[in-house]
C-alpha atoms as a PDB file:
ATOM      1  CA  UNK A   1     -16.501  51.574 -49.534  1.00  0.00           C
ATOM      2  CA  UNK A   2     -19.310  49.022 -49.356  1.00  0.00           C
ATOM      3  CA  UNK A   3     -22.844  49.987 -50.088  1.00  0.00           C
ATOM      4  CA  UNK A   4     -23.852  49.084 -46.528  1.00  0.00           C
ATOM      5  CA  UNK A   5     -22.962  51.298 -43.595  1.00  0.00           C
ATOM      6  CA  UNK A   6     -20.216  49.832 -41.360  1.00  0.00           C
ATOM      7  CA  UNK A   7     -22.337  50.057 -38.243  1.00  0.00           C
ATOM      8  CA  UNK A   8     -25.088  48.050 -39.898  1.00  0.00           C
ATOM      9  CA  UNK A   9     -22.564  45.513 -41.194  1.00  0.00           C
ATOM     10  CA  UNK A  10     -21.088  45.097 -37.728  1.00  0.00           C
ATOM     11  CA  UNK A  11     -24.484  44.626 -36.102  1.00  0.00           C
ATOM     12  CA  UNK A  12     -25.656  42.094 -38.647  1.00  0.00           C
ATOM     13  CA  UNK A  13     -24.719  38.408 -38.119  1.00  0.00           C
ATOM     14  CA  UNK A  14     -25.479  35.232 -39.974  1.00  0.00           C
ATOM     15  CA  UNK A  15     -25.161  31.528 -39.013  1.00  0.00           C
ATOM     16  CA  UNK A  16     -22.284  29.457 -40.402  1.00  0.00           C
ATOM     17  CA  UNK A  17     -23.482  26.720 -42.710  1.00  0.00           C
ATOM     18  CA  UNK A  18     -20.633  24.464 -41.478  1.00  0.00           C
ATOM     19  CA  UNK A  19     -20.567  24.803 -37.657  1.00  0.00           C
ATOM     20  CA  UNK A  20     -23.730  26.824 -36.976  1.00  0.00           C
ATOM     21  CA  UNK A  21     -21.980  29.648 -35.102  1.00  0.00           C
ATOM     22  CA  UNK A  22     -23.181  33.196 -35.586  1.00  0.00           C
ATOM     23  CA  UNK A  23     -20.655  35.634 -37.013  1.00  0.00           C
ATOM     24  CA  UNK A  24     -20.669  39.095 -38.573  1.00  0.00           C
ATOM     25  CA  UNK A  25     -21.189  39.385 -42.268  1.00  0.00           C
ATOM     26  CA  UNK A  26     -18.079  41.533 -42.389  1.00  0.00           C
ATOM     27  CA  UNK A  27     -16.075  38.248 -42.555  1.00  0.00           C
ATOM     28  CA  UNK A  28     -15.736  36.384 -45.793  1.00  0.00           C
ATOM     29  CA  UNK A  29     -15.137  33.143 -43.909  1.00  0.00           C
ATOM     30  CA  UNK A  30     -16.423  31.819 -40.589  1.00  0.00           C
ATOM     31  CA  UNK A  31     -13.856  32.902 -37.937  1.00  0.00           C
ATOM     32  CA  UNK A  32     -14.674  29.838 -35.798  1.00  0.00           C
ATOM     33  CA  UNK A  33     -14.274  26.936 -38.191  1.00  0.00           C
ATOM     34  CA  UNK A  34     -12.798  28.605 -41.268  1.00  0.00           C
ATOM     35  CA  UNK A  35     -15.663  27.403 -43.419  1.00  0.00           C
ATOM     36  CA  UNK A  36     -16.171  28.013 -47.121  1.00  0.00           C
ATOM     37  CA  UNK A  37     -16.263  31.493 -48.577  1.00  0.00           C
ATOM     38  CA  UNK A  38     -19.589  33.144 -47.887  1.00  0.00           C
ATOM     39  CA  UNK A  39     -21.479  34.415 -50.871  1.00  0.00           C
ATOM     40  CA  UNK A  40     -21.852  38.086 -50.597  1.00  0.00           C
ATOM     41  CA  UNK A  41     -25.379  39.111 -49.740  1.00  0.00           C
ATOM     42  CA  UNK A  42     -26.167  42.729 -48.959  1.00  0.00           C
ATOM     43  CA  UNK A  43     -29.943  42.992 -49.083  1.00  0.00           C
ATOM     44  CA  UNK A  44     -30.063  46.210 -47.129  1.00  0.00           C
ATOM     45  CA  UNK A  45     -29.684  49.085 -49.597  1.00  0.00           C
ATOM     46  CA  UNK A  46     -27.906  52.142 -48.423  1.00  0.00           C
ATOM     47  CA  UNK A  47     -27.624  55.523 -50.013  1.00  0.00           C
ATOM     48  CA  UNK A  48     -24.437  56.349 -51.768  1.00  0.00           C
ATOM     49  CA  UNK A  49     -21.929  57.864 -49.437  1.00  0.00           C
ATOM     50  CA  UNK A  50     -19.173  60.268 -50.260  1.00  0.00           C
ATOM     51  CA  UNK A  51     -15.861  58.655 -50.982  1.00  0.00           C
ATOM     52  CA  UNK A  52     -13.711  58.656 -47.874  1.00  0.00           C
ATOM     53  CA  UNK A  53     -10.255  57.515 -46.955  1.00  0.00           C
ATOM     54  CA  UNK A  54      -9.234  55.693 -43.780  1.00  0.00           C
ATOM     55  CA  UNK A  55      -8.136  58.964 -42.162  1.00  0.00           C
ATOM     56  CA  UNK A  56     -10.896  61.178 -43.445  1.00  0.00           C
ATOM     57  CA  UNK A  57     -13.183  62.677 -40.773  1.00  0.00           C
ATOM     58  CA  UNK A  58     -16.811  61.523 -40.738  1.00  0.00           C
ATOM     59  CA  UNK A  59     -19.158  64.169 -42.166  1.00  0.00           C
ATOM     60  CA  UNK A  60     -21.348  65.884 -39.599  1.00  0.00           C
ATOM     61  CA  UNK A  61     -24.517  64.779 -41.367  1.00  0.00           C
ATOM     62  CA  UNK A  62     -23.487  61.152 -41.209  1.00  0.00           C
ATOM     63  CA  UNK A  63     -22.655  61.440 -37.530  1.00  0.00           C
ATOM     64  CA  UNK A  64     -26.022  63.003 -36.752  1.00  0.00           C
ATOM     65  CA  UNK A  65     -27.873  60.459 -38.849  1.00  0.00           C
ATOM     66  CA  UNK A  66     -26.301  57.524 -37.104  1.00  0.00           C
ATOM     67  CA  UNK A  67     -25.828  59.235 -33.736  1.00  0.00           C
ATOM     68  CA  UNK A  68     -22.163  58.474 -33.642  1.00  0.00           C
ATOM     69  CA  UNK A  69     -19.864  60.032 -31.041  1.00  0.00           C
ATOM     70  CA  UNK A  70     -17.807  63.108 -31.916  1.00  0.00           C
ATOM     71  CA  UNK A  71     -14.504  61.187 -31.818  1.00  0.00           C
ATOM     72  CA  UNK A  72     -15.759  58.515 -34.248  1.00  0.00           C
ATOM     73  CA  UNK A  73     -13.476  58.013 -37.272  1.00  0.00           C
ATOM     74  CA  UNK A  74     -13.306  55.605 -40.178  1.00  0.00           C
ATOM     75  CA  UNK A  75     -10.038  54.075 -39.033  1.00  0.00           C
ATOM     76  CA  UNK A  76     -11.794  51.993 -36.322  1.00  0.00           C
ATOM     77  CA  UNK A  77     -10.876  48.301 -36.376  1.00  0.00           C
ATOM     78  CA  UNK A  78     -14.206  46.565 -36.892  1.00  0.00           C
ATOM     79  CA  UNK A  79     -12.765  43.105 -36.148  1.00  0.00           C
ATOM     80  CA  UNK A  80     -14.886  41.654 -33.297  1.00  0.00           C
ATOM     81  CA  UNK A  81     -13.056  40.807 -30.096  1.00  0.00           C
ATOM     82  CA  UNK A  82     -12.999  37.403 -28.474  1.00  0.00           C
ATOM     83  CA  UNK A  83     -14.326  36.605 -24.996  1.00  0.00           C
ATOM     84  CA  UNK A  84     -10.928  37.266 -23.428  1.00  0.00           C
ATOM     85  CA  UNK A  85     -10.652  40.676 -25.065  1.00  0.00           C
ATOM     86  CA  UNK A  86      -8.192  39.560 -27.735  1.00  0.00           C
ATOM     87  CA  UNK A  87      -8.805  41.193 -31.144  1.00  0.00           C
ATOM     88  CA  UNK A  88      -7.449  38.153 -32.953  1.00  0.00           C
ATOM     89  CA  UNK A  89      -9.715  35.933 -34.987  1.00  0.00           C
ATOM     90  CA  UNK A  90      -9.929  32.443 -33.478  1.00  0.00           C
ATOM     91  CA  UNK A  91      -7.848  29.942 -35.391  1.00  0.00           C
ATOM     92  CA  UNK A  92      -9.182  26.804 -33.751  1.00  0.00           C
ATOM     93  CA  UNK A  93     -11.160  24.776 -36.217  1.00  0.00           C
ATOM     94  CA  UNK A  94     -14.475  23.249 -35.282  1.00  0.00           C
ATOM     95  CA  UNK A  95     -16.190  26.158 -33.553  1.00  0.00           C
ATOM     96  CA  UNK A  96     -17.233  26.512 -29.930  1.00  0.00           C
ATOM     97  CA  UNK A  97     -18.569  22.964 -29.742  1.00  0.00           C
ATOM     98  CA  UNK A  98     -15.143  21.461 -30.409  1.00  0.00           C
ATOM     99  CA  UNK A  99     -13.517  23.984 -28.098  1.00  0.00           C
ATOM    100  CA  UNK A 100     -15.804  22.831 -25.275  1.00  0.00           C
ATOM    101  CA  UNK A 101     -14.757  19.237 -25.914  1.00  0.00           C
ATOM    102  CA  UNK A 102     -11.070  20.198 -25.556  1.00  0.00           C
ATOM    103  CA  UNK A 103     -11.582  21.868 -22.208  1.00  0.00           C
ATOM    104  CA  UNK A 104     -10.313  20.427 -18.895  1.00  0.00           C
ATOM    105  CA  UNK A 105     -11.591  16.882 -18.162  1.00  0.00           C
ATOM    106  CA  UNK A 106     -11.479  15.160 -14.761  1.00  0.00           C
ATOM    107  CA  UNK A 107     -11.715  11.777 -16.473  1.00  0.00           C
ATOM    108  CA  UNK A 108      -8.576  12.371 -18.516  1.00  0.00           C
ATOM    109  CA  UNK A 109      -6.703  13.597 -15.452  1.00  0.00           C
ATOM    110  CA  UNK A 110      -7.722  10.501 -13.485  1.00  0.00           C
ATOM    111  CA  UNK A 111      -6.628   8.192 -16.331  1.00  0.00           C
ATOM    112  CA  UNK A 112      -3.257   9.935 -16.498  1.00  0.00           C
ATOM    113  CA  UNK A 113      -2.734   9.636 -12.731  1.00  0.00           C
ATOM    114  CA  UNK A 114      -3.638   5.920 -12.769  1.00  0.00           C
ATOM    115  CA  UNK A 115      -1.232   5.266 -15.642  1.00  0.00           C
ATOM    116  CA  UNK A 116       1.531   7.037 -13.756  1.00  0.00           C
ATOM    117  CA  UNK A 117       0.847   4.996 -10.605  1.00  0.00           C
ATOM    118  CA  UNK A 118       0.973   1.720 -12.585  1.00  0.00           C
ATOM    119  CA  UNK A 119       4.311   2.640 -14.154  1.00  0.00           C
ATOM    120  CA  UNK A 120       5.822   3.581 -10.776  1.00  0.00           C
ATOM    121  CA  UNK A 121       4.537   0.355  -9.163  1.00  0.00           C
ATOM    122  CA  UNK A 122       5.973  -1.775 -11.974  1.00  0.00           C
ATOM    123  CA  UNK A 123       9.359  -0.063 -11.647  1.00  0.00           C
ATOM    124  CA  UNK A 124       9.321  -0.621  -7.868  1.00  0.00           C
ATOM    125  CA  UNK A 125       8.580  -4.349  -8.277  1.00  0.00           C
ATOM    126  CA  UNK A 126      11.352  -4.759 -10.828  1.00  0.00           C
ATOM    127  CA  UNK A 127      13.931  -2.992  -8.629  1.00  0.00           C
ATOM    128  CA  UNK A 128      12.985  -4.620  -5.308  1.00  0.00           C
ATOM    129  CA  UNK A 129      11.942  -8.125  -6.404  1.00  0.00           C
ATOM    130  CA  UNK A 130      13.030  -9.114  -9.878  1.00  0.00           C
ATOM    131  CA  UNK A 131      16.582  -7.696  -9.842  1.00  0.00           C
ATOM    132  CA  UNK A 132      17.585  -9.309  -6.468  1.00  0.00           C
ATOM    133  CA  UNK A 133      16.070 -12.627  -7.621  1.00  0.00           C
ATOM    134  CA  UNK A 134      18.096 -12.597 -10.844  1.00  0.00           C
ATOM    135  CA  UNK A 135      21.279 -11.647  -8.964  1.00  0.00           C
ATOM    136  CA  UNK A 136      20.765 -14.485  -6.474  1.00  0.00           C
ATOM    137  CA  UNK A 137      20.135 -16.976  -9.286  1.00  0.00           C
ATOM    138  CA  UNK A 138      23.336 -15.907 -11.073  1.00  0.00           C
ATOM    139  CA  UNK A 139      25.286 -16.140  -7.800  1.00  0.00           C
ATOM    140  CA  UNK A 140      24.006 -19.665  -7.149  1.00  0.00           C
ATOM    141  CA  UNK A 141      24.883 -20.745 -10.679  1.00  0.00           C
ATOM    142  CA  UNK A 142      28.425 -19.415 -10.268  1.00  0.00           C
ATOM    143  CA  UNK A 143      28.800 -21.134  -6.884  1.00  0.00           C
ATOM    144  CA  UNK A 144      27.539 -24.481  -8.184  1.00  0.00           C
ATOM    145  CA  UNK A 145      30.186 -24.556 -10.874  1.00  0.00           C
ATOM    146  CA  UNK A 146      32.920 -24.824  -8.254  1.00  0.00           C
ATOM    147  CA  UNK A 147      36.609 -24.281  -8.859  1.00  0.00           C
ATOM    148  CA  UNK A 148      37.581 -25.231 -12.418  1.00  0.00           C
ATOM    149  CA  UNK A 149      40.335 -27.778 -12.961  1.00  0.00           C
ATOM    150  CA  UNK A 150      43.619 -26.385 -14.305  1.00  0.00           C
ATOM    151  CA  UNK A 151      43.934 -26.393 -18.069  1.00  0.00           C
ATOM    152  CA  UNK A 152      45.926 -29.123 -19.768  1.00  0.00           C
ATOM    153  CA  UNK A 153      49.637 -28.353 -19.621  1.00  0.00           C
ATOM    154  CA  UNK A 154      49.380 -26.089 -16.590  1.00  0.00           C
ATOM    155  CA  UNK A 155      50.996 -27.246 -13.326  1.00  0.00           C
ATOM    156  CA  UNK A 156      48.453 -28.608 -10.859  1.00  0.00           C
ATOM    157  CA  UNK A 157      48.343 -27.128  -7.389  1.00  0.00           C
ATOM    158  CA  UNK A 158      49.074 -29.363  -4.433  1.00  0.00           C
ATOM    159  CA  UNK A 159      45.679 -30.754  -3.465  1.00  0.00           C
ATOM    160  CA  UNK A 160      44.932 -29.956   0.144  1.00  0.00           C
ATOM    161  CA  UNK A 161      42.376 -32.771  -0.065  1.00  0.00           C
ATOM    162  CA  UNK A 162      44.812 -35.660  -0.681  1.00  0.00           C
ATOM    163  CA  UNK A 163      43.922 -39.011   0.872  1.00  0.00           C
ATOM    164  CA  UNK A 164      45.331 -42.451   1.683  1.00  0.00           C
ATOM    165  CA  UNK A 165      44.039 -45.904   2.579  1.00  0.00           C
ATOM    166  CA  UNK A 166      44.376 -47.221   6.118  1.00  0.00           C
ATOM    167  CA  UNK A 167      45.303 -50.668   4.782  1.00  0.00           C
ATOM    168  CA  UNK A 168      47.892 -50.888   2.025  1.00  0.00           C
ATOM    169  CA  UNK A 169      48.146 -54.712   2.242  1.00  0.00           C
ATOM    170  CA  UNK A 170      45.316 -57.126   3.038  1.00  0.00           C
ATOM    171  CA  UNK A 171      45.326 -60.953   3.212  1.00  0.00           C
ATOM    172  CA  UNK A 172      42.071 -62.866   2.867  1.00  0.00           C
ATOM    173  CA  UNK A 173      42.272 -66.556   3.872  1.00  0.00           C
ATOM    174  CA  UNK A 174      38.799 -67.785   2.995  1.00  0.00           C
ATOM    175  CA  UNK A 175      36.646 -67.724  -0.110  1.00  0.00           C
ATOM    176  CA  UNK A 176      33.855 -65.211   0.299  1.00  0.00           C
ATOM    177  CA  UNK A 177      35.677 -63.394   3.102  1.00  0.00           C
ATOM    178  CA  UNK A 178      35.068 -59.640   3.066  1.00  0.00           C
ATOM    179  CA  UNK A 179      37.017 -56.616   4.215  1.00  0.00           C
ATOM    180  CA  UNK A 180      36.094 -52.944   4.254  1.00  0.00           C
ATOM    181  CA  UNK A 181      38.776 -50.539   3.053  1.00  0.00           C
ATOM    182  CA  UNK A 182      38.758 -47.074   4.648  1.00  0.00           C
ATOM    183  CA  UNK A 183      40.066 -43.899   3.013  1.00  0.00           C
ATOM    184  CA  UNK A 184      41.618 -41.292   5.295  1.00  0.00           C
ATOM    185  CA  UNK A 185      41.430 -37.678   4.207  1.00  0.00           C
ATOM    186  CA  UNK A 186      44.481 -35.459   4.772  1.00  0.00           C
ATOM    187  CA  UNK A 187      44.108 -31.678   4.760  1.00  0.00           C
ATOM    188  CA  UNK A 188      41.111 -29.385   4.619  1.00  0.00           C
ATOM    189  CA  UNK A 189      38.104 -29.653   2.360  1.00  0.00           C
ATOM    190  CA  UNK A 190      35.871 -32.414   1.064  1.00  0.00           C
ATOM    191  CA  UNK A 191      37.257 -35.788   0.053  1.00  0.00           C
ATOM    192  CA  UNK A 192      34.741 -36.120  -2.769  1.00  0.00           C
ATOM    193  CA  UNK A 193      33.537 -39.320  -4.425  1.00  0.00           C
ATOM    194  CA  UNK A 194      35.952 -42.227  -4.774  1.00  0.00           C
ATOM    195  CA  UNK A 195      36.042 -44.708  -7.625  1.00  0.00           C
ATOM    196  CA  UNK A 196      37.093 -48.223  -6.652  1.00  0.00           C
ATOM    197  CA  UNK A 197      38.654 -50.702  -9.097  1.00  0.00           C
ATOM    198  CA  UNK A 198      40.235 -54.162  -8.851  1.00  0.00           C
ATOM    199  CA  UNK A 199      43.075 -55.178 -11.169  1.00  0.00           C
ATOM    200  CA  UNK A 200      41.706 -58.754 -11.250  1.00  0.00           C
ATOM    201  CA  UNK A 201      38.024 -59.230 -10.534  1.00  0.00           C
ATOM    202  CA  UNK A 202      38.486 -63.025 -10.658  1.00  0.00           C
ATOM    203  CA  UNK A 203      40.607 -62.880  -7.485  1.00  0.00           C
ATOM    204  CA  UNK A 204      39.021 -60.093  -5.469  1.00  0.00           C
ATOM    205  CA  UNK A 205      35.969 -57.977  -6.082  1.00  0.00           C
ATOM    206  CA  UNK A 206      35.501 -54.453  -4.654  1.00  0.00           C
ATOM    207  CA  UNK A 207      32.199 -52.609  -4.265  1.00  0.00           C
ATOM    208  CA  UNK A 208      31.508 -48.934  -4.890  1.00  0.00           C
ATOM    209  CA  UNK A 209      31.991 -48.318  -1.145  1.00  0.00           C
ATOM    210  CA  UNK A 210      35.390 -50.059  -0.973  1.00  0.00           C
ATOM    211  CA  UNK A 211      34.303 -53.444   0.422  1.00  0.00           C
ATOM    212  CA  UNK A 212      36.512 -56.401  -0.643  1.00  0.00           C
ATOM    213  CA  UNK A 213      35.242 -59.915  -1.328  1.00  0.00           C
ATOM    214  CA  UNK A 214      37.679 -62.824  -1.813  1.00  0.00           C
ATOM    215  CA  UNK A 215      36.878 -65.080  -4.781  1.00  0.00           C
ATOM    216  CA  UNK A 216      39.911 -67.327  -5.434  1.00  0.00           C
ATOM    217  CA  UNK A 217      43.582 -67.590  -4.389  1.00  0.00           C
ATOM    218  CA  UNK A 218      45.857 -64.980  -5.937  1.00  0.00           C
ATOM    219  CA  UNK A 219      47.004 -61.367  -5.650  1.00  0.00           C
ATOM    220  CA  UNK A 220      45.306 -58.245  -7.037  1.00  0.00           C
ATOM    221  CA  UNK A 221      45.598 -54.484  -6.580  1.00  0.00           C
ATOM    222  CA  UNK A 222      42.605 -52.407  -5.520  1.00  0.00           C
ATOM    223  CA  UNK A 223      42.770 -48.714  -6.484  1.00  0.00           C
ATOM    224  CA  UNK A 224      40.728 -45.800  -5.129  1.00  0.00           C
ATOM    225  CA  UNK A 225      40.784 -42.648  -7.308  1.00  0.00           C
ATOM    226  CA  UNK A 226      39.157 -39.232  -7.475  1.00  0.00           C
ATOM    227  CA  UNK A 227      38.258 -36.947 -10.352  1.00  0.00           C
ATOM    228  CA  UNK A 228      41.429 -34.903  -9.828  1.00  0.00           C
ATOM    229  CA  UNK A 229      43.464 -38.070 -10.596  1.00  0.00           C
ATOM    230  CA  UNK A 230      44.729 -38.516  -7.020  1.00  0.00           C
ATOM    231  CA  UNK A 231      44.933 -42.228  -6.178  1.00  0.00           C
ATOM    232  CA  UNK A 232      45.594 -44.658  -3.365  1.00  0.00           C
ATOM    233  CA  UNK A 233      46.183 -48.427  -3.649  1.00  0.00           C
ATOM    234  CA  UNK A 234      45.955 -51.592  -1.578  1.00  0.00           C
ATOM    235  CA  UNK A 235      47.516 -54.958  -2.400  1.00  0.00           C
ATOM    236  CA  UNK A 236      45.087 -57.810  -1.694  1.00  0.00           C
ATOM    237  CA  UNK A 237      46.251 -61.432  -1.330  1.00  0.00           C
ATOM    238  CA  UNK A 238      43.754 -64.271  -1.279  1.00  0.00           C
ATOM    239  CA  UNK A 239      45.381 -67.337   0.303  1.00  0.00           C
ATOM    240  CA  UNK A 240      43.710 -70.679   1.032  1.00  0.00           C
ATOM    241  CA  UNK A 241      43.602 -74.248  -0.205  1.00  0.00           C
ATOM    242  CA  UNK A 242      40.749 -74.845  -2.622  1.00  0.00           C
ATOM    243  CA  UNK A 243      41.135 -78.605  -2.145  1.00  0.00           C
ATOM    244  CA  UNK A 244      40.526 -78.552   1.633  1.00  0.00           C
ATOM    245  CA  UNK A 245      37.220 -80.108   2.669  1.00  0.00           C
ATOM    246  CA  UNK A 246      34.824 -78.024   4.701  1.00  0.00           C
ATOM    247  CA  UNK A 247      31.844 -80.373   4.653  1.00  0.00           C
ATOM    248  CA  UNK A 248      32.208 -81.261   8.357  1.00  0.00           C
ATOM    249  CA  UNK A 249      32.059 -77.648   9.611  1.00  0.00           C
ATOM    250  CA  UNK A 250      29.129 -76.497  11.781  1.00  0.00           C
ATOM    251  CA  UNK A 251      28.279 -73.931  14.500  1.00  0.00           C
ATOM    252  CA  UNK A 252      27.949 -74.748  18.158  1.00  0.00           C
ATOM    253  CA  UNK A 253      24.422 -73.211  18.065  1.00  0.00           C
ATOM    254  CA  UNK A 254      21.850 -73.198  15.285  1.00  0.00           C
ATOM    255  CA  UNK A 255      19.530 -70.753  17.099  1.00  0.00           C
ATOM    256  CA  UNK A 256      19.029 -69.096  20.471  1.00  0.00           C
ATOM    257  CA  UNK A 257      17.162 -66.278  22.246  1.00  0.00           C
ATOM    258  CA  UNK A 258      18.793 -63.376  24.036  1.00  0.00           C
ATOM    259  CA  UNK A 259      17.303 -60.512  26.023  1.00  0.00           C
ATOM    260  CA  UNK A 260      18.341 -57.251  27.658  1.00  0.00           C
ATOM    261  CA  UNK A 261      20.648 -57.818  30.653  1.00  0.00           C
ATOM    262  CA  UNK A 262      21.323 -61.448  29.755  1.00  0.00           C
ATOM    263  CA  UNK A 263      24.887 -62.792  29.287  1.00  0.00           C
ATOM    264  CA  UNK A 264      26.474 -62.612  25.868  1.00  0.00           C
ATOM    265  CA  UNK A 265      26.557 -65.759  23.696  1.00  0.00           C
ATOM    266  CA  UNK A 266      29.759 -66.964  22.045  1.00  0.00           C
ATOM    267  CA  UNK A 267      29.441 -68.765  18.711  1.00  0.00           C
ATOM    268  CA  UNK A 268      32.138 -71.112  17.428  1.00  0.00           C
ATOM    269  CA  UNK A 269      32.780 -73.007  14.194  1.00  0.00           C
ATOM    270  CA  UNK A 270      33.385 -76.653  14.918  1.00  0.00           C
ATOM    271  CA  UNK A 271      35.696 -78.675  12.677  1.00  0.00           C
ATOM    272  CA  UNK A 272      38.336 -76.086  11.710  1.00  0.00           C
ATOM    273  CA  UNK A 273      40.977 -73.850  13.202  1.00  0.00           C
ATOM    274  CA  UNK A 274      40.979 -71.460  10.258  1.00  0.00           C
ATOM    275  CA  UNK A 275      40.035 -67.790  10.833  1.00  0.00           C
ATOM    276  CA  UNK A 276      36.311 -67.090  10.748  1.00  0.00           C
ATOM    277  CA  UNK A 277      34.610 -63.939   9.479  1.00  0.00           C
ATOM    278  CA  UNK A 278      31.498 -63.011  11.459  1.00  0.00           C
ATOM    279  CA  UNK A 279      28.614 -60.764  10.331  1.00  0.00           C
ATOM    280  CA  UNK A 280      24.990 -60.097  11.228  1.00  0.00           C
ATOM    281  CA  UNK A 281      22.021 -59.418   8.962  1.00  0.00           C
ATOM    282  CA  UNK A 282      20.196 -56.960  11.249  1.00  0.00           C
ATOM    283  CA  UNK A 283      22.519 -55.037  13.602  1.00  0.00           C
ATOM    284  CA  UNK A 284      19.454 -53.542  15.351  1.00  0.00           C
ATOM    285  CA  UNK A 285      18.799 -56.922  17.037  1.00  0.00           C
ATOM    286  CA  UNK A 286      22.285 -58.167  17.991  1.00  0.00           C
ATOM    287  CA  UNK A 287      25.930 -57.410  17.311  1.00  0.00           C
ATOM    288  CA  UNK A 288      28.776 -59.899  16.794  1.00  0.00           C
ATOM    289  CA  UNK A 289      32.483 -59.420  17.431  1.00  0.00           C
ATOM    290  CA  UNK A 290      35.412 -60.746  15.373  1.00  0.00           C
ATOM    291  CA  UNK A 291      35.624 -63.680  17.774  1.00  0.00           C
ATOM    292  CA  UNK A 292      31.935 -64.610  17.507  1.00  0.00           C
ATOM    293  CA  UNK A 293      30.639 -62.974  20.718  1.00  0.00           C
ATOM    294  CA  UNK A 294      26.963 -62.025  20.266  1.00  0.00           C
ATOM    295  CA  UNK A 295      25.505 -59.098  22.286  1.00  0.00           C
ATOM    296  CA  UNK A 296      21.855 -58.040  22.658  1.00  0.00           C
ATOM    297  CA  UNK A 297      20.794 -54.773  20.960  1.00  0.00           C
ATOM    298  CA  UNK A 298      17.004 -54.863  20.578  1.00  0.00           C
ATOM    299  CA  UNK A 299      13.909 -56.946  19.911  1.00  0.00           C
ATOM    300  CA  UNK A 300      13.511 -58.797  16.651  1.00  0.00           C
ATOM    301  CA  UNK A 301      14.857 -61.691  14.593  1.00  0.00           C
ATOM    302  CA  UNK A 302      18.098 -61.896  12.648  1.00  0.00           C
ATOM    303  CA  UNK A 303      20.873 -64.235  11.502  1.00  0.00           C
ATOM    304  CA  UNK A 304      24.514 -64.376  12.554  1.00  0.00           C
ATOM    305  CA  UNK A 305      26.692 -65.506   9.649  1.00  0.00           C
ATOM    306  CA  UNK A 306      30.074 -67.259   9.893  1.00  0.00           C
ATOM    307  CA  UNK A 307      32.229 -67.473   6.745  1.00  0.00           C
ATOM    308  CA  UNK A 308      35.200 -69.888   6.739  1.00  0.00           C
ATOM    309  CA  UNK A 309      37.043 -71.574   3.875  1.00  0.00           C
ATOM    310  CA  UNK A 310      34.439 -70.393   1.384  1.00  0.00           C
ATOM    311  CA  UNK A 311      31.619 -72.002   3.400  1.00  0.00           C
ATOM    312  CA  UNK A 312      28.811 -70.005   5.043  1.00  0.00           C
ATOM    313  CA  UNK A 313      27.211 -71.074   8.316  1.00  0.00           C
ATOM    314  CA  UNK A 314      24.202 -69.334   9.899  1.00  0.00           C
ATOM    315  CA  UNK A 315      22.602 -69.135  13.343  1.00  0.00           C
ATOM    316  CA  UNK A 316      19.122 -67.707  13.962  1.00  0.00           C
ATOM    317  CA  UNK A 317      18.936 -65.273  16.886  1.00  0.00           C
ATOM    318  CA  UNK A 318      15.784 -63.898  18.560  1.00  0.00           C
ATOM    319  CA  UNK A 319      15.934 -60.679  20.579  1.00  0.00           C
ATOM    320  CA  UNK A 320      13.305 -60.371  23.308  1.00  0.00           C
END
């Protein structure tokens, strides 16, 4: 038994050198922060007391001296209780100051709620905006690729988009004479781009739109083809006499004016009976038929061109 009475020890407290909290000297360490071992200091002398066990009754003299109740015994647990009534020694390190800092905080709650809102908003944007956009982009990429061509060695399906040329044989009788070839699509779908080629570009030349131009007498084959290897052909014959003189050829008019409601004007090539090819520079002013009949279309200035025997003749026309 200590030299100091238990009641006095319980009532006496000292400050903790580590956290500053007051605690009973009955503890060897600070119960709040678990500080270093306290050096034992018992300055209050007490008279020697009879040796007692934990279950021994308190002598009557001691009870009267300290005015203890009749049911007082030495087996009382002198461990101080906490604020909530628990007899356990606090285990939280740092004392009451740190415990106050760990209490409920409105600022922390608000930060948590804001973080949660941001996460939910980001998930909503991804699901409603980003995902549909990516799906649409992938769908467009797949659609733009089109139907792949059959692999080499595999039988090709009958193309529903086969085509043919309206003219399979064409005869051009003058140098520089032109003729437009027209492709006719058979079946459903898109005809696609056509590639035009001439077997002899010295005889006849063909443009990327299928327009023929006669260059010299002879025969050549013009072929129109697609990427799927479907083809159509036209045999072109250029037939005229290169030695024939065309120096005396001229038009019956070199220029004229035509207006709305006025009679049509017929142009003729004087000095030859050979076929003549007629064309107009600006079809928004006048139009010309295969026989040289000029009709009014609108105001402006243009030229009507006659091509015969490799010679070109022009007539200036004014639309009023």
